[in-house]
Amino acid sequence: MIFRELIYLELAMYMKGGKELDTEITTTVEIADQTGHTTCQLTKSETLQKVSDSPGSWVFADGQMVQSQQLENADWATVGTVRIVPGLVGGS
């Protein structure tokens, strides 16, 4: 599958009784593992949880490798697509 560098930002509004209860920005998160890959729309806290649940994985935001701390401090409105992929291990 070809990955596109499109930035998906979706403003998720939850309404109840005509009153706005919660507004969160989501972004596209692509998670690769031994079974293939999954693409989903996640909030910042959901994405950070996925990253912490994936020790040893490499994380990319908008095509650039980042540390989880950088992702935590990022402006979520501009973070772009986040990719979580298995880390490569080199050796002889």
N, C-alpha and C. Protein backbone atom coordinates (compact mmCIF):
# COMPACT_ATOMS: atom_id res chain seq x y z
N MET A 1 0.84 -1.18 0.00
CA MET A 1 0.00 0.00 0.00
C MET A 1 0.88 1.25 0.00
N ILE A 2 0.49 2.22 -0.74
CA ILE A 2 1.23 3.47 -0.81
C ILE A 2 0.74 4.40 0.29
N PHE A 3 1.68 4.90 1.08
CA PHE A 3 1.32 5.84 2.13
C PHE A 3 1.36 7.25 1.55
N ARG A 4 0.35 8.00 1.79
CA ARG A 4 0.31 9.38 1.32
C ARG A 4 0.66 10.32 2.46
N GLU A 5 1.28 11.39 2.11
CA GLU A 5 1.67 12.39 3.09
C GLU A 5 0.59 13.46 3.24
N LEU A 6 -0.64 13.01 3.26
CA LEU A 6 -1.75 13.94 3.45
C LEU A 6 -1.97 14.18 4.92
N ILE A 7 -2.20 15.41 5.28
CA ILE A 7 -2.50 15.73 6.66
C ILE A 7 -4.01 15.65 6.86
N TYR A 8 -4.41 14.78 7.75
CA TYR A 8 -5.82 14.64 8.07
C TYR A 8 -6.05 15.26 9.43
N LEU A 9 -6.82 16.29 9.47
CA LEU A 9 -7.23 16.83 10.75
C LEU A 9 -8.74 16.82 10.78
N GLU A 10 -9.26 16.29 11.81
CA GLU A 10 -10.70 16.21 11.93
C GLU A 10 -11.11 16.80 13.27
N LEU A 11 -12.04 17.71 13.24
CA LEU A 11 -12.53 18.28 14.48
C LEU A 11 -13.71 17.45 14.94
N ALA A 12 -13.53 16.73 16.02
CA ALA A 12 -14.58 15.85 16.51
C ALA A 12 -15.37 16.58 17.58
N MET A 13 -16.65 16.76 17.33
CA MET A 13 -17.50 17.43 18.30
C MET A 13 -18.56 16.46 18.81
N TYR A 14 -18.66 16.40 20.07
CA TYR A 14 -19.65 15.54 20.68
C TYR A 14 -20.77 16.42 21.22
N MET A 15 -21.96 16.17 20.73
CA MET A 15 -23.10 17.00 21.10
C MET A 15 -24.09 16.18 21.93
N LYS A 16 -24.67 16.83 22.89
CA LYS A 16 -25.71 16.19 23.68
C LYS A 16 -26.70 17.27 24.06
N GLY A 17 -27.92 17.08 23.64
CA GLY A 17 -28.94 18.06 23.97
C GLY A 17 -28.66 19.42 23.37
N GLY A 18 -27.94 19.47 22.24
CA GLY A 18 -27.65 20.74 21.59
C GLY A 18 -26.50 21.51 22.21
N LYS A 19 -25.88 20.95 23.25
CA LYS A 19 -24.76 21.63 23.90
C LYS A 19 -23.45 20.93 23.56
N GLU A 20 -22.46 21.69 23.25
CA GLU A 20 -21.16 21.12 22.94
C GLU A 20 -20.50 20.70 24.23
N LEU A 21 -20.15 19.41 24.32
CA LEU A 21 -19.53 18.90 25.53
C LEU A 21 -18.02 18.79 25.41
N ASP A 22 -17.54 18.41 24.23
CA ASP A 22 -16.12 18.14 24.08
C ASP A 22 -15.70 18.39 22.63
N THR A 23 -14.56 19.00 22.44
CA THR A 23 -14.01 19.22 21.12
C THR A 23 -12.55 18.81 21.16
N GLU A 24 -12.18 17.83 20.33
CA GLU A 24 -10.81 17.37 20.28
C GLU A 24 -10.36 17.23 18.84
N ILE A 25 -9.14 17.61 18.58
CA ILE A 25 -8.55 17.45 17.25
C ILE A 25 -7.99 16.04 17.17
N THR A 26 -8.23 15.39 16.04
CA THR A 26 -7.65 14.07 15.80
C THR A 26 -6.72 14.14 14.59
N THR A 27 -5.88 13.16 14.47
CA THR A 27 -4.99 13.05 13.33
C THR A 27 -4.92 11.60 12.88
N THR A 28 -4.47 11.38 11.67
CA THR A 28 -4.32 10.02 11.15
C THR A 28 -3.10 9.37 11.80
N VAL A 29 -3.30 8.17 12.33
CA VAL A 29 -2.20 7.41 12.93
C VAL A 29 -2.13 6.07 12.20
N GLU A 30 -0.96 5.77 11.67
CA GLU A 30 -0.72 4.51 10.98
C GLU A 30 0.19 3.66 11.86
N ILE A 31 -0.28 2.46 12.19
CA ILE A 31 0.47 1.58 13.08
C ILE A 31 0.84 0.33 12.30
N ALA A 32 2.14 0.08 12.17
CA ALA A 32 2.63 -1.11 11.46
C ALA A 32 3.13 -2.13 12.49
N ASP A 33 2.83 -3.39 12.23
CA ASP A 33 3.34 -4.47 13.07
C ASP A 33 3.48 -5.74 12.22
N GLN A 34 3.74 -6.86 12.88
CA GLN A 34 3.99 -8.11 12.15
C GLN A 34 2.78 -8.59 11.36
N THR A 35 1.59 -8.09 11.66
CA THR A 35 0.39 -8.53 10.95
C THR A 35 0.01 -7.62 9.78
N GLY A 36 0.70 -6.51 9.64
CA GLY A 36 0.38 -5.55 8.59
C GLY A 36 0.34 -4.14 9.15
N HIS A 37 -0.69 -3.39 8.78
CA HIS A 37 -0.81 -2.05 9.33
C HIS A 37 -2.27 -1.68 9.54
N THR A 38 -2.47 -0.72 10.43
CA THR A 38 -3.79 -0.21 10.76
C THR A 38 -3.74 1.30 10.64
N THR A 39 -4.79 1.88 10.09
CA THR A 39 -4.89 3.33 10.00
C THR A 39 -6.12 3.75 10.80
N CYS A 40 -5.95 4.73 11.68
CA CYS A 40 -7.07 5.19 12.48
C CYS A 40 -6.95 6.69 12.77
N GLN A 41 -8.04 7.28 13.19
CA GLN A 41 -8.08 8.68 13.61
C GLN A 41 -8.06 8.70 15.12
N LEU A 42 -7.02 9.30 15.71
CA LEU A 42 -6.89 9.31 17.16
C LEU A 42 -6.65 10.72 17.69
N THR A 43 -7.04 10.92 18.93
CA THR A 43 -6.74 12.17 19.61
C THR A 43 -5.29 12.14 20.08
N LYS A 44 -4.82 13.23 20.59
CA LYS A 44 -3.45 13.30 21.08
C LYS A 44 -3.22 12.29 22.20
N SER A 45 -4.11 12.23 23.18
CA SER A 45 -3.92 11.31 24.31
C SER A 45 -3.99 9.85 23.85
N GLU A 46 -4.87 9.53 22.91
CA GLU A 46 -4.94 8.17 22.38
C GLU A 46 -3.67 7.80 21.64
N THR A 47 -3.13 8.74 20.87
CA THR A 47 -1.89 8.49 20.13
C THR A 47 -0.72 8.28 21.07
N LEU A 48 -0.61 9.12 22.09
CA LEU A 48 0.48 8.98 23.06
C LEU A 48 0.38 7.65 23.80
N GLN A 49 -0.83 7.17 24.05
CA GLN A 49 -1.01 5.87 24.69
C GLN A 49 -0.53 4.75 23.76
N LYS A 50 -0.85 4.84 22.47
CA LYS A 50 -0.38 3.84 21.50
C LYS A 50 1.14 3.82 21.44
N VAL A 51 1.75 5.00 21.48
CA VAL A 51 3.22 5.09 21.45
C VAL A 51 3.80 4.43 22.70
N SER A 52 3.23 4.71 23.87
CA SER A 52 3.77 4.12 25.10
C SER A 52 3.52 2.61 25.15
N ASP A 53 2.49 2.13 24.44
CA ASP A 53 2.20 0.70 24.37
C ASP A 53 3.09 -0.02 23.35
N SER A 54 3.97 0.71 22.67
CA SER A 54 4.81 0.15 21.61
C SER A 54 6.28 0.41 21.89
N PRO A 55 6.82 -0.15 22.98
CA PRO A 55 8.24 0.10 23.28
C PRO A 55 9.15 -0.42 22.17
N GLY A 56 10.18 0.33 21.87
CA GLY A 56 11.13 -0.05 20.82
C GLY A 56 10.71 0.36 19.42
N SER A 57 9.49 0.84 19.29
CA SER A 57 9.02 1.27 17.97
C SER A 57 9.58 2.64 17.63
N TRP A 58 9.63 2.91 16.34
CA TRP A 58 10.02 4.22 15.87
C TRP A 58 8.75 5.01 15.56
N VAL A 59 8.79 6.29 15.90
CA VAL A 59 7.62 7.15 15.72
C VAL A 59 7.99 8.28 14.78
N PHE A 60 7.13 8.51 13.79
CA PHE A 60 7.33 9.58 12.82
C PHE A 60 6.11 10.49 12.85
N ALA A 61 6.35 11.78 12.84
CA ALA A 61 5.27 12.76 12.75
C ALA A 61 5.54 13.61 11.52
N ASP A 62 4.59 13.62 10.61
CA ASP A 62 4.72 14.37 9.37
C ASP A 62 6.01 14.01 8.63
N GLY A 63 6.37 12.71 8.65
CA GLY A 63 7.52 12.22 7.91
C GLY A 63 8.86 12.34 8.61
N GLN A 64 8.89 12.87 9.82
CA GLN A 64 10.14 13.06 10.54
C GLN A 64 10.15 12.23 11.82
N MET A 65 11.25 11.53 12.08
CA MET A 65 11.35 10.73 13.30
C MET A 65 11.33 11.64 14.52
N VAL A 66 10.52 11.26 15.51
CA VAL A 66 10.40 12.07 16.73
C VAL A 66 10.45 11.16 17.95
N GLN A 67 10.82 11.74 19.06
CA GLN A 67 10.76 11.06 20.35
C GLN A 67 9.37 11.29 20.93
N SER A 68 8.94 10.44 21.83
CA SER A 68 7.59 10.58 22.41
C SER A 68 7.42 11.93 23.10
N GLN A 69 8.48 12.46 23.71
CA GLN A 69 8.42 13.77 24.37
C GLN A 69 8.14 14.88 23.36
N GLN A 70 8.75 14.79 22.18
CA GLN A 70 8.50 15.78 21.13
C GLN A 70 7.05 15.71 20.67
N LEU A 71 6.53 14.52 20.55
CA LEU A 71 5.15 14.34 20.13
C LEU A 71 4.19 14.88 21.20
N GLU A 72 4.54 14.68 22.44
CA GLU A 72 3.72 15.18 23.55
C GLU A 72 3.65 16.70 23.55
N ASN A 73 4.74 17.35 23.15
CA ASN A 73 4.80 18.81 23.15
C ASN A 73 4.36 19.43 21.82
N ALA A 74 4.03 18.62 20.85
CA ALA A 74 3.68 19.12 19.51
C ALA A 74 2.32 19.80 19.51
N ASP A 75 2.17 20.76 18.59
CA ASP A 75 0.89 21.40 18.34
C ASP A 75 0.05 20.41 17.55
N TRP A 76 -0.97 19.86 18.15
CA TRP A 76 -1.73 18.78 17.53
C TRP A 76 -2.46 19.23 16.27
N ALA A 77 -2.71 20.51 16.14
CA ALA A 77 -3.39 21.02 14.95
C ALA A 77 -2.49 20.96 13.72
N THR A 78 -1.18 20.82 13.92
CA THR A 78 -0.24 20.83 12.79
C THR A 78 0.66 19.59 12.74
N VAL A 79 0.41 18.59 13.57
CA VAL A 79 1.32 17.44 13.68
C VAL A 79 1.34 16.57 12.42
N GLY A 80 0.27 16.54 11.66
CA GLY A 80 0.24 15.71 10.45
C GLY A 80 0.07 14.24 10.77
N THR A 81 0.35 13.39 9.81
CA THR A 81 0.20 11.95 9.99
C THR A 81 1.27 11.42 10.93
N VAL A 82 0.86 10.58 11.87
CA VAL A 82 1.79 9.94 12.80
C VAL A 82 1.91 8.47 12.41
N ARG A 83 3.15 7.99 12.32
CA ARG A 83 3.39 6.58 12.00
C ARG A 83 4.15 5.93 13.15
N ILE A 84 3.68 4.77 13.56
CA ILE A 84 4.35 3.97 14.58
C ILE A 84 4.77 2.68 13.90
N VAL A 85 6.09 2.47 13.79
CA VAL A 85 6.60 1.30 13.06
C VAL A 85 7.61 0.56 13.92
N PRO A 86 7.77 -0.75 13.70
CA PRO A 86 8.77 -1.50 14.46
C PRO A 86 10.16 -0.93 14.21
N GLY A 87 10.95 -0.81 15.27
CA GLY A 87 12.33 -0.33 15.13
C GLY A 87 13.19 -1.37 14.43
N LEU A 88 14.14 -0.91 13.65
CA LEU A 88 15.06 -1.82 12.98
C LEU A 88 16.24 -2.12 13.88
N VAL A 89 16.66 -3.36 13.89
CA VAL A 89 17.79 -3.76 14.71
C VAL A 89 18.88 -4.25 13.77
N GLY A 90 20.04 -3.65 13.88
CA GLY A 90 21.15 -4.05 13.04
C GLY A 90 22.11 -4.94 13.83
N GLY A 91 22.96 -5.61 13.14
CA GLY A 91 23.93 -6.43 13.81
C GLY A 91 24.54 -7.43 12.84
N SER A 92 25.44 -8.20 13.36
CA SER A 92 26.10 -9.18 12.49
C SER A 92 25.57 -10.57 12.72
